[in-house]
Amino acid sequence: MKKSVWPLLVIFFLAGGLTAILIGQVKLAPKTQDNSVEAISERWTESGHADQEAEAFIHWDEDDPAEIPANCAKCHSAYGYLDYLGEDGTEALMVDAAANIGSVVTCNVCHNPTAHEKEVAYFPSGAEVSIEGGSVNCAECHQGTRSGLNVESATQDLPEDEVNSDLGFINVHYKIGGAVRYGSEVTVGYEYPGQTYAGYFLHTENYQYCTDCHDPHALTIDAVECAACHPSVSDLADIWSVRSEGTPDYDGDGNTTEGVYGEIETLHEIMYAAIQQYATDVAGTSIIYAGSFPYWFNDTNGDGNADEDEINFGNQFTDWTPRLLKAAYNYHLVNEDPGGFMHNAPYLVQLMVDSIANLSEASPFAMGNLIRPD
């Protein structure tokens, strides 16, 4: 090593910031972490996986009978996931029966012989993906319950722009980052014929799987890890402003300094406007979206806003055409992965640009200078 390099190394070592210099790139060291059983348990206790009052775990408490249905238990009950693995002595890769209420994601859900040996995640589309380490178990639940193939099946051979009373909104479900990460490999989105779509998003070496970025117990992200490649990051809030060199101006607004998150947010807004225009012009009923089931409602006063009195089950939108259903599915999908700008931005951008373009075929929409990644 040249003598002139030593002063620089000394500075980094004194700052506690150097773990490696590889091909001239300095990588900041992650914060030291207490991995004692007590510390791990404390981090888990504060996480969403341990929240005993979360809707994800108590939704069925007042039902009669008070139990979690078999088709929900896999991800909303410790008993259900152990059943899915076959750890309870039943057949693996299926939940045999409704599960008892009152559990969360406990330690033994992920720390058992079957979970440790598991190598393949099975997605709603039928895709089977090999995933290293414990992240395979993360992907089993953070994948949604529907795929673009469900939308394709529901709309197949139907006239694109005719309202069909047999159609209903198809909900991909929630917290779907594990599926978005793999994109077209698992066909989580509705993918338009004739287009190609991004598969697994190759982030960077050593940051490929769920637990490479998320603490497996606290579920949090350590911003120091991101700062290794993104020097603008000093705390977690900065992640939403990250923009890699060469990132296109996807939303066409001329702002080439905003984070990828901003690009996706603006595209999402444009897509919503296209959906609303199409619904009014072609389906004949104005539509609004809200973050509560069943998500799409009639815009009874036509002001384009989701007003409180409009967001109720009895006012749900029902005038679906196949074209509108496809775009609505993709719109909701983007909304259900808040970390999508990190998980697989190219895939989400492709879905949105294609949805807007498809809607525009029946209801001409000013797309501006949107950029679709290859």
Protein backbone atom coordinates (compact mmCIF):
# COMPACT_ATOMS: atom_id res chain seq x y z
CA MET A 1 0.00 0.00 0.00
CA LYS A 2 1.35 3.43 -0.88
CA LYS A 3 2.49 5.51 2.09
CA SER A 4 0.26 8.47 1.10
CA VAL A 5 -2.89 6.41 1.66
CA TRP A 6 -2.24 5.79 5.37
CA PRO A 7 -3.40 9.19 6.69
CA LEU A 8 -6.76 8.70 5.00
CA LEU A 9 -7.14 5.23 6.47
CA VAL A 10 -6.28 6.47 9.92
CA ILE A 11 -9.01 9.12 9.68
CA PHE A 12 -11.61 6.55 8.71
CA PHE A 13 -10.59 4.11 11.42
CA LEU A 14 -10.72 6.81 14.06
CA ALA A 15 -14.21 7.77 12.89
CA GLY A 16 -15.32 4.14 13.14
CA GLY A 17 -16.40 4.29 9.53
CA LEU A 18 -14.27 1.85 7.59
CA THR A 19 -14.87 -1.84 7.21
CA ALA A 20 -13.53 -2.36 3.73
CA ILE A 21 -12.09 -0.63 0.71
CA LEU A 22 -13.05 -2.51 -2.41
CA ILE A 23 -12.08 -1.22 -5.83
CA GLY A 24 -11.65 2.25 -4.42
CA GLN A 25 -15.11 2.34 -2.78
CA VAL A 26 -15.37 3.11 0.92
CA LYS A 27 -18.13 1.25 2.71
CA LEU A 28 -19.40 2.73 5.96
CA ALA A 29 -19.69 0.33 8.84
CA PRO A 30 -23.16 -0.47 10.17
CA LYS A 31 -23.90 0.44 13.75
CA THR A 32 -22.82 -2.18 16.24
CA GLN A 33 -25.83 -4.11 17.51
CA ASP A 34 -26.49 -6.12 20.63
CA ASN A 35 -27.55 -9.58 19.50
CA SER A 36 -28.15 -11.08 22.89
CA VAL A 37 -31.41 -12.95 23.35
CA GLU A 38 -32.68 -10.12 25.55
CA ALA A 39 -31.89 -7.44 22.95
CA ILE A 40 -33.37 -9.44 20.09
CA SER A 41 -36.52 -10.05 22.11
CA GLU A 42 -36.83 -6.35 22.86
CA ARG A 43 -36.51 -5.41 19.19
CA TRP A 44 -39.12 -8.01 18.26
CA THR A 45 -41.50 -6.80 20.98
CA GLU A 46 -41.48 -3.31 19.47
CA SER A 47 -42.07 -4.57 15.92
CA GLY A 48 -45.28 -4.90 13.95
CA HIS A 49 -44.91 -8.68 14.04
CA ALA A 50 -45.51 -8.59 17.80
CA ASP A 51 -48.31 -6.03 17.87
CA GLN A 52 -51.12 -7.87 19.64
CA GLU A 53 -53.55 -5.03 18.89
CA ALA A 54 -52.85 -4.82 15.17
CA GLU A 55 -55.82 -5.31 12.87
CA ALA A 56 -53.82 -7.98 11.06
CA PHE A 57 -54.07 -10.19 14.15
CA ILE A 58 -57.37 -9.20 15.79
CA HIS A 59 -59.62 -8.80 12.71
CA TRP A 60 -61.48 -12.04 13.50
CA ASP A 61 -61.73 -11.72 17.29
CA GLU A 62 -65.41 -10.73 17.24
CA ASP A 63 -66.47 -13.28 14.62
CA ASP A 64 -68.68 -16.22 15.42
CA PRO A 65 -66.92 -18.55 15.64
CA ALA A 66 -63.88 -16.51 16.72
CA GLU A 67 -61.24 -18.10 14.49
CA ILE A 68 -59.01 -17.16 11.60
CA PRO A 69 -60.16 -18.71 8.30
CA ALA A 70 -57.79 -21.21 6.71
CA ASN A 71 -57.21 -18.94 3.70
CA CYS A 72 -56.01 -16.13 6.02
CA ALA A 73 -54.33 -18.09 8.81
CA LYS A 74 -51.02 -18.70 7.03
CA CYS A 75 -49.93 -15.09 7.48
CA HIS A 76 -52.19 -13.81 10.24
CA SER A 77 -51.52 -16.46 12.85
CA ALA A 78 -48.51 -18.25 14.28
CA TYR A 79 -50.58 -21.43 14.29
CA GLY A 80 -51.44 -20.95 10.63
CA TYR A 81 -47.87 -20.59 9.40
CA LEU A 82 -46.72 -23.60 11.41
CA ASP A 83 -49.63 -25.50 9.84
CA TYR A 84 -48.49 -24.30 6.39
CA LEU A 85 -44.97 -25.55 7.04
CA GLY A 86 -46.29 -28.87 8.33
CA GLU A 87 -44.64 -28.29 11.69
CA ASP A 88 -47.88 -29.31 13.39
CA GLY A 89 -47.74 -32.74 11.79
CA THR A 90 -50.18 -31.95 8.98
CA GLU A 91 -49.46 -31.82 5.24
CA ALA A 92 -46.98 -29.11 4.26
CA LEU A 93 -47.63 -26.20 1.88
CA MET A 94 -51.27 -25.89 2.83
CA VAL A 95 -53.32 -24.75 5.81
CA ASP A 96 -55.64 -27.55 6.77
CA ALA A 97 -58.07 -25.71 9.03
CA ALA A 98 -59.03 -22.42 10.61
CA ALA A 99 -56.59 -21.22 13.26
CA ASN A 100 -57.13 -20.06 16.80
CA ILE A 101 -57.13 -16.32 17.42
CA GLY A 102 -54.73 -14.66 19.83
CA SER A 103 -51.32 -15.14 18.24
CA VAL A 104 -48.80 -12.92 16.47
CA VAL A 105 -45.63 -13.73 14.51
CA THR A 106 -43.80 -15.48 17.33
CA CYS A 107 -40.20 -16.70 17.44
CA ASN A 108 -41.05 -20.29 16.52
CA VAL A 109 -42.79 -19.17 13.33
CA CYS A 110 -39.40 -18.57 11.72
CA HIS A 111 -37.17 -20.51 14.11
CA ASN A 112 -38.11 -24.14 13.58
CA PRO A 113 -36.46 -26.95 11.59
CA THR A 114 -38.73 -26.66 8.54
CA ALA A 115 -38.44 -22.88 8.28
CA HIS A 116 -34.66 -23.09 8.61
CA GLU A 117 -34.43 -25.65 5.82
CA LYS A 118 -36.95 -23.94 3.55
CA GLU A 119 -35.46 -22.75 0.25
CA VAL A 120 -38.41 -22.09 -2.08
CA ALA A 121 -41.24 -19.55 -1.83
CA TYR A 122 -44.53 -20.27 -3.60
CA PHE A 123 -46.38 -17.27 -5.05
CA PRO A 124 -50.07 -16.76 -5.93
CA SER A 125 -49.24 -16.88 -9.64
CA GLY A 126 -47.89 -20.41 -9.22
CA ALA A 127 -44.28 -19.22 -9.50
CA GLU A 128 -41.72 -21.03 -7.36
CA VAL A 129 -38.66 -18.98 -6.45
CA SER A 130 -35.51 -20.07 -4.66
CA ILE A 131 -34.58 -17.53 -1.98
CA GLU A 132 -31.57 -17.70 0.31
CA GLY A 133 -31.74 -17.75 4.07
CA GLY A 134 -34.64 -16.75 6.25
CA SER A 135 -35.90 -14.29 3.65
CA VAL A 136 -37.77 -17.15 1.99
CA ASN A 137 -40.17 -17.12 4.93
CA CYS A 138 -40.61 -13.35 4.63
CA ALA A 139 -41.61 -13.75 0.99
CA GLU A 140 -44.24 -16.38 1.83
CA CYS A 141 -46.38 -13.76 3.56
CA HIS A 142 -45.30 -10.51 1.92
CA GLN A 143 -46.48 -11.61 -1.50
CA GLY A 144 -50.18 -10.79 -1.53
CA THR A 145 -52.96 -13.25 -2.30
CA ARG A 146 -53.57 -12.48 -5.98
CA SER A 147 -51.49 -11.97 -9.10
CA GLY A 148 -51.85 -10.44 -12.51
CA LEU A 149 -52.95 -13.85 -13.74
CA ASN A 150 -56.14 -13.54 -11.69
CA VAL A 151 -56.93 -10.31 -13.52
CA GLU A 152 -56.13 -11.88 -16.86
CA SER A 153 -58.41 -14.83 -16.14
CA ALA A 154 -61.30 -12.61 -14.99
CA THR A 155 -61.18 -10.40 -18.08
CA GLN A 156 -60.26 -12.89 -20.77
CA ASP A 157 -62.31 -12.68 -23.97
CA LEU A 158 -64.50 -9.86 -22.61
CA PRO A 159 -64.99 -6.63 -24.59
CA GLU A 160 -62.46 -4.19 -23.15
CA ASP A 161 -64.75 -1.21 -22.77
CA GLU A 162 -68.10 -2.72 -21.86
CA VAL A 163 -69.33 -2.61 -18.28
CA ASN A 164 -69.73 -6.18 -17.04
CA SER A 165 -71.73 -6.89 -13.89
CA ASP A 166 -69.80 -10.12 -13.33
CA LEU A 167 -66.57 -8.22 -12.75
CA GLY A 168 -65.44 -7.09 -9.32
CA PHE A 169 -62.30 -5.42 -8.06
CA ILE A 170 -59.41 -7.84 -7.52
CA ASN A 171 -57.36 -7.00 -4.44
CA VAL A 172 -53.69 -8.03 -4.51
CA HIS A 173 -53.76 -7.67 -0.67
CA TYR A 174 -51.26 -5.88 1.58
CA LYS A 175 -47.54 -5.49 2.32
CA ILE A 176 -46.53 -7.13 -0.95
CA GLY A 177 -42.86 -6.12 -1.09
CA GLY A 178 -41.73 -9.73 -1.34
CA ALA A 179 -43.61 -10.13 -4.62
CA VAL A 180 -42.75 -6.71 -6.05
CA ARG A 181 -39.08 -7.52 -5.49
CA TYR A 182 -39.37 -10.36 -8.01
CA GLY A 183 -41.58 -8.47 -10.46
CA SER A 184 -42.36 -10.36 -13.63
CA GLU A 185 -40.78 -13.55 -12.28
CA VAL A 186 -43.89 -13.94 -10.12
CA THR A 187 -46.31 -11.86 -12.28
CA VAL A 188 -47.58 -9.90 -9.31
CA GLY A 189 -48.83 -7.08 -11.56
CA TYR A 190 -51.19 -7.20 -14.51
CA GLU A 191 -48.76 -7.23 -17.43
CA TYR A 192 -50.04 -6.00 -20.78
CA PRO A 193 -49.64 -8.28 -23.80
CA GLY A 194 -46.75 -7.43 -26.09
CA GLN A 195 -44.70 -5.74 -23.36
CA THR A 196 -41.68 -7.02 -21.46
CA TYR A 197 -41.36 -6.47 -17.74
CA ALA A 198 -38.56 -6.32 -15.20
CA GLY A 199 -37.98 -9.39 -13.08
CA TYR A 200 -35.98 -9.57 -9.89
CA PHE A 201 -34.48 -6.20 -9.01
CA LEU A 202 -30.76 -6.68 -8.54
CA HIS A 203 -29.95 -4.08 -5.90
CA THR A 204 -26.28 -4.46 -5.05
CA GLU A 205 -23.99 -7.12 -3.66
CA ASN A 206 -24.72 -7.99 -0.03
CA TYR A 207 -28.12 -6.27 -0.22
CA GLN A 208 -30.23 -8.75 -2.13
CA TYR A 209 -32.63 -10.31 0.33
CA CYS A 210 -35.17 -9.06 2.86
CA THR A 211 -32.96 -9.50 5.90
CA ASP A 212 -30.00 -7.85 4.18
CA CYS A 213 -31.81 -4.51 4.54
CA HIS A 214 -34.44 -5.13 7.22
CA ASP A 215 -33.54 -6.13 10.74
CA PRO A 216 -35.19 -9.58 10.93
CA HIS A 217 -36.59 -8.85 14.39
CA ALA A 218 -37.19 -5.08 14.52
CA LEU A 219 -38.07 -5.02 10.77
CA THR A 220 -36.39 -1.62 10.55
CA ILE A 221 -33.81 -0.36 8.06
CA ASP A 222 -30.49 1.04 9.26
CA ALA A 223 -29.79 4.20 7.25
CA VAL A 224 -26.05 3.76 7.82
CA GLU A 225 -26.20 0.67 5.61
CA CYS A 226 -27.74 2.75 2.80
CA ALA A 227 -25.11 5.46 3.20
CA ALA A 228 -22.47 3.03 2.01
CA CYS A 229 -23.60 3.63 -1.57
CA HIS A 230 -25.83 6.69 -1.13
CA PRO A 231 -23.74 9.40 0.58
CA SER A 232 -26.73 11.76 0.77
CA VAL A 233 -28.29 9.48 3.39
CA SER A 234 -27.62 10.43 6.99
CA ASP A 235 -30.86 9.21 8.56
CA LEU A 236 -33.87 7.14 7.55
CA ALA A 237 -35.86 10.12 6.24
CA ASP A 238 -33.21 10.66 3.55
CA ILE A 239 -33.98 7.32 1.90
CA TRP A 240 -37.04 8.80 0.21
CA SER A 241 -34.78 11.30 -1.55
CA VAL A 242 -32.30 8.78 -2.95
CA ARG A 243 -31.80 8.97 -6.70
CA SER A 244 -29.09 6.96 -8.37
CA GLU A 245 -27.03 8.55 -11.11
CA GLY A 246 -28.63 8.07 -14.50
CA THR A 247 -32.17 7.55 -13.19
CA PRO A 248 -34.57 8.68 -15.96
CA ASP A 249 -37.19 11.37 -15.46
CA TYR A 250 -39.90 8.72 -15.38
CA ASP A 251 -42.76 11.10 -14.64
CA GLY A 252 -41.67 13.62 -17.28
CA ASP A 253 -41.97 16.64 -15.00
CA GLY A 254 -38.44 17.87 -15.69
CA ASN A 255 -37.28 17.33 -12.11
CA THR A 256 -34.16 15.19 -12.29
CA THR A 257 -33.07 15.72 -8.70
CA GLU A 258 -36.05 14.30 -6.79
CA GLY A 259 -35.80 10.80 -5.34
CA VAL A 260 -37.09 7.72 -7.12
CA TYR A 261 -39.93 7.78 -4.59
CA GLY A 262 -40.99 11.17 -5.98
CA GLU A 263 -40.92 9.86 -9.54
CA ILE A 264 -43.21 6.98 -8.61
CA GLU A 265 -45.56 9.17 -6.56
CA THR A 266 -46.09 11.58 -9.46
CA LEU A 267 -46.64 8.72 -11.89
CA HIS A 268 -49.16 7.26 -9.47
CA GLU A 269 -51.04 10.57 -9.44
CA ILE A 270 -51.05 10.72 -13.23
CA MET A 271 -52.34 7.15 -13.36
CA TYR A 272 -55.16 8.01 -10.96
CA ALA A 273 -56.19 10.93 -13.16
CA ALA A 274 -56.25 8.62 -16.20
CA ILE A 275 -58.39 6.08 -14.32
CA GLN A 276 -60.85 8.76 -13.22
CA GLN A 277 -61.11 10.19 -16.72
CA TYR A 278 -61.70 6.77 -18.27
CA ALA A 279 -64.30 5.77 -15.67
CA THR A 280 -66.33 8.90 -16.30
CA ASP A 281 -65.93 8.96 -20.10
CA VAL A 282 -66.22 5.23 -20.90
CA ALA A 283 -67.72 3.35 -17.94
CA GLY A 284 -70.16 6.20 -17.36
CA THR A 285 -69.61 6.42 -13.59
CA SER A 286 -67.10 8.63 -11.81
CA ILE A 287 -64.70 6.79 -9.51
CA ILE A 288 -62.63 7.58 -6.43
CA TYR A 289 -60.05 5.60 -4.47
CA ALA A 290 -59.59 5.44 -0.71
CA GLY A 291 -57.30 3.45 1.54
CA SER A 292 -60.04 1.30 3.02
CA PHE A 293 -61.85 -1.78 1.75
CA PRO A 294 -63.23 -2.12 -0.93
CA TYR A 295 -60.98 0.79 -2.05
CA TRP A 296 -62.90 1.98 -5.10
CA PHE A 297 -66.09 4.00 -4.65
CA ASN A 298 -68.58 6.01 -6.69
CA ASP A 299 -67.74 9.71 -6.85
CA THR A 300 -71.34 10.72 -6.17
CA ASN A 301 -70.75 14.47 -6.25
CA GLY A 302 -68.28 14.32 -9.14
CA ASP A 303 -65.64 16.46 -7.47
CA GLY A 304 -62.86 13.89 -7.88
CA ASN A 305 -62.19 13.68 -4.15
CA ALA A 306 -62.80 10.78 -1.77
CA ASP A 307 -65.21 12.51 0.61
CA GLU A 308 -66.03 10.92 3.94
CA ASP A 309 -69.68 10.28 3.10
CA GLU A 310 -68.68 8.48 -0.10
CA ILE A 311 -66.34 5.96 1.54
CA ASN A 312 -68.72 3.23 2.61
CA PHE A 313 -69.33 -0.34 1.49
CA GLY A 314 -72.74 0.45 0.03
CA ASN A 315 -71.18 3.03 -2.28
CA GLN A 316 -68.50 0.76 -3.72
CA PHE A 317 -67.77 1.10 -7.43
CA THR A 318 -69.30 -1.69 -9.51
CA ASP A 319 -69.28 -0.46 -13.12
CA TRP A 320 -66.13 -2.29 -14.11
CA THR A 321 -64.93 -2.76 -17.64
CA PRO A 322 -62.00 -5.12 -18.26
CA ARG A 323 -59.73 -2.22 -19.20
CA LEU A 324 -60.60 -0.30 -16.04
CA LEU A 325 -60.20 -3.34 -13.80
CA LYS A 326 -56.68 -3.99 -15.08
CA ALA A 327 -55.54 -0.43 -14.39
CA ALA A 328 -57.27 -0.31 -10.99
CA TYR A 329 -55.54 -3.53 -9.95
CA ASN A 330 -52.12 -2.10 -10.86
CA TYR A 331 -52.86 1.22 -9.16
CA HIS A 332 -53.76 -0.51 -5.91
CA LEU A 333 -50.72 -2.78 -6.19
CA VAL A 334 -48.37 0.22 -6.25
CA ASN A 335 -50.15 1.66 -3.24
CA GLU A 336 -49.76 -1.57 -1.27
CA ASP A 337 -45.97 -1.58 -1.39
CA PRO A 338 -44.80 1.67 0.26
CA GLY A 339 -41.21 0.50 -0.21
CA GLY A 340 -41.71 -0.28 -3.88
CA PHE A 341 -39.32 2.50 -4.93
CA MET A 342 -36.58 0.46 -3.26
CA HIS A 343 -37.90 -3.03 -3.95
CA ASN A 344 -38.36 -2.75 -7.72
CA ALA A 345 -38.94 0.72 -9.15
CA PRO A 346 -38.51 -0.28 -12.84
CA TYR A 347 -41.29 -2.87 -12.59
CA LEU A 348 -43.73 -0.48 -10.94
CA VAL A 349 -42.97 2.26 -13.46
CA GLN A 350 -43.57 -0.16 -16.34
CA LEU A 351 -46.93 -1.21 -14.91
CA MET A 352 -48.05 2.38 -14.45
CA VAL A 353 -46.91 3.73 -17.81
CA ASP A 354 -48.50 0.78 -19.61
CA SER A 355 -51.75 1.18 -17.67
CA ILE A 356 -51.94 4.86 -18.56
CA ALA A 357 -51.20 4.15 -22.22
CA ASN A 358 -53.84 1.41 -22.33
CA LEU A 359 -56.52 3.60 -20.76
CA SER A 360 -55.64 6.32 -23.26
CA GLU A 361 -56.56 4.03 -26.14
CA ALA A 362 -60.22 4.42 -25.18
CA SER A 363 -60.11 7.78 -23.39
CA PRO A 364 -57.32 9.92 -24.87
CA PHE A 365 -55.13 11.15 -22.04
CA ALA A 366 -52.23 13.61 -22.18
CA MET A 367 -49.34 11.37 -21.17
CA GLY A 368 -46.72 14.06 -21.51
CA ASN A 369 -43.11 12.86 -21.50
CA LEU A 370 -43.43 9.74 -19.42
CA ILE A 371 -40.45 7.41 -19.71
CA ARG A 372 -40.89 3.64 -19.60
CA PRO A 373 -37.71 1.76 -18.61
CA ASP A 374 -36.70 -1.06 -20.95
